């Protein structure tokens, strides 16, 4: 499956939601919701994020930001 740049996907190994930033060799590069350090993920363990998963990631980021854990 091809993951378009800008789409949100779930790394099923870690249950992390990330935004697709590109592809380098056999790996898809994801960036956490709200920014941060990218990580590489094999495409066979990725799936497209549901609306609920995107909302969960956005809420977690907003809560962490309100607590001062991220800027």
C-alpha atoms as a PDB file:
ATOM      1  CA  UNK A   1       0.000   0.000   0.000  1.00  0.00           C
ATOM      2  CA  UNK A   2       1.262   3.459  -0.879  1.00  0.00           C
ATOM      3  CA  UNK A   3       1.002   6.062   1.867  1.00  0.00           C
ATOM      4  CA  UNK A   4       0.614   9.605   0.516  1.00  0.00           C
ATOM      5  CA  UNK A   5       2.702  12.387   2.031  1.00  0.00           C
ATOM      6  CA  UNK A   6       0.666  14.277   4.612  1.00  0.00           C
ATOM      7  CA  UNK A   7      -1.595  11.335   5.450  1.00  0.00           C
ATOM      8  CA  UNK A   8      -1.841  10.051   9.004  1.00  0.00           C
ATOM      9  CA  UNK A   9      -0.872   6.454   9.636  1.00  0.00           C
ATOM     10  CA  UNK A  10      -0.595   4.136  12.629  1.00  0.00           C
ATOM     11  CA  UNK A  11       2.603   2.232  13.384  1.00  0.00           C
ATOM     12  CA  UNK A  12       0.995  -1.011  14.566  1.00  0.00           C
ATOM     13  CA  UNK A  13       4.169  -2.090  16.405  1.00  0.00           C
ATOM     14  CA  UNK A  14       3.932   0.853  18.800  1.00  0.00           C
ATOM     15  CA  UNK A  15       0.340   2.094  18.271  1.00  0.00           C
ATOM     16  CA  UNK A  16       1.751   5.566  17.506  1.00  0.00           C
ATOM     17  CA  UNK A  17      -0.002   7.913  15.100  1.00  0.00           C
ATOM     18  CA  UNK A  18       2.255   9.827  12.759  1.00  0.00           C
ATOM     19  CA  UNK A  19       2.100  12.004   9.689  1.00  0.00           C
ATOM     20  CA  UNK A  20       3.724  10.543   6.586  1.00  0.00           C
ATOM     21  CA  UNK A  21       6.692  12.716   5.662  1.00  0.00           C
ATOM     22  CA  UNK A  22       8.181  10.617   2.874  1.00  0.00           C
ATOM     23  CA  UNK A  23       9.802   7.363   2.004  1.00  0.00           C
ATOM     24  CA  UNK A  24      13.495   6.502   2.191  1.00  0.00           C
ATOM     25  CA  UNK A  25      14.443   3.152   0.737  1.00  0.00           C
ATOM     26  CA  UNK A  26      12.059   0.509   2.053  1.00  0.00           C
ATOM     27  CA  UNK A  27      10.886   2.627   5.014  1.00  0.00           C
ATOM     28  CA  UNK A  28       8.118   5.180   5.447  1.00  0.00           C
ATOM     29  CA  UNK A  29       9.102   8.194   7.535  1.00  0.00           C
ATOM     30  CA  UNK A  30       6.576   9.340  10.132  1.00  0.00           C
ATOM     31  CA  UNK A  31       6.511  12.417  12.349  1.00  0.00           C
ATOM     32  CA  UNK A  32       4.483  12.494  15.580  1.00  0.00           C
ATOM     33  CA  UNK A  33       1.292  14.548  15.713  1.00  0.00           C
ATOM     34  CA  UNK A  34       2.270  18.096  16.665  1.00  0.00           C
ATOM     35  CA  UNK A  35       5.847  17.690  15.446  1.00  0.00           C
ATOM     36  CA  UNK A  36       8.941  16.094  16.821  1.00  0.00           C
ATOM     37  CA  UNK A  37      11.545  13.615  15.727  1.00  0.00           C
ATOM     38  CA  UNK A  38      10.682  11.418  12.770  1.00  0.00           C
ATOM     39  CA  UNK A  39      10.935   7.663  12.890  1.00  0.00           C
ATOM     40  CA  UNK A  40      11.231   5.047  10.176  1.00  0.00           C
ATOM     41  CA  UNK A  41       8.634   2.347   9.856  1.00  0.00           C
ATOM     42  CA  UNK A  42       8.328  -0.661   7.586  1.00  0.00           C
ATOM     43  CA  UNK A  43       5.262  -0.248   5.342  1.00  0.00           C
ATOM     44  CA  UNK A  44       3.951  -3.714   6.215  1.00  0.00           C
ATOM     45  CA  UNK A  45       3.293  -2.629   9.826  1.00  0.00           C
ATOM     46  CA  UNK A  46       1.530   0.613   8.843  1.00  0.00           C
ATOM     47  CA  UNK A  47      -2.132   1.277   8.270  1.00  0.00           C
ATOM     48  CA  UNK A  48      -4.096   4.455   7.674  1.00  0.00           C
ATOM     49  CA  UNK A  49      -5.277   6.184  10.862  1.00  0.00           C
ATOM     50  CA  UNK A  50      -8.983   6.413  11.557  1.00  0.00           C
ATOM     51  CA  UNK A  51     -10.654   9.698  12.402  1.00  0.00           C
ATOM     52  CA  UNK A  52     -10.908   8.594  16.042  1.00  0.00           C
ATOM     53  CA  UNK A  53      -7.166   7.817  16.157  1.00  0.00           C
ATOM     54  CA  UNK A  54      -6.308  11.224  14.714  1.00  0.00           C
ATOM     55  CA  UNK A  55      -8.538  12.919  17.287  1.00  0.00           C
ATOM     56  CA  UNK A  56      -6.957  10.872  20.096  1.00  0.00           C
ATOM     57  CA  UNK A  57      -3.476  11.974  18.971  1.00  0.00           C
ATOM     58  CA  UNK A  58      -4.573  15.621  18.712  1.00  0.00           C
ATOM     59  CA  UNK A  59      -6.138  15.517  22.184  1.00  0.00           C
ATOM     60  CA  UNK A  60      -3.055  13.888  23.715  1.00  0.00           C
ATOM     61  CA  UNK A  61      -0.864  16.580  22.149  1.00  0.00           C
ATOM     62  CA  UNK A  62      -3.150  19.409  23.346  1.00  0.00           C
ATOM     63  CA  UNK A  63      -3.165  17.989  26.880  1.00  0.00           C
ATOM     64  CA  UNK A  64       0.629  17.621  26.949  1.00  0.00           C
ATOM     65  CA  UNK A  65       0.996  21.166  25.681  1.00  0.00           C
ATOM     66  CA  UNK A  66      -1.333  22.544  28.368  1.00  0.00           C
ATOM     67  CA  UNK A  67       0.765  20.782  31.009  1.00  0.00           C
ATOM     68  CA  UNK A  68       3.938  22.358  29.573  1.00  0.00           C
ATOM     69  CA  UNK A  69       5.410  19.017  28.462  1.00  0.00           C
ATOM     70  CA  UNK A  70       5.779  20.167  24.842  1.00  0.00           C
ATOM     71  CA  UNK A  71       5.981  23.587  23.269  1.00  0.00           C
END
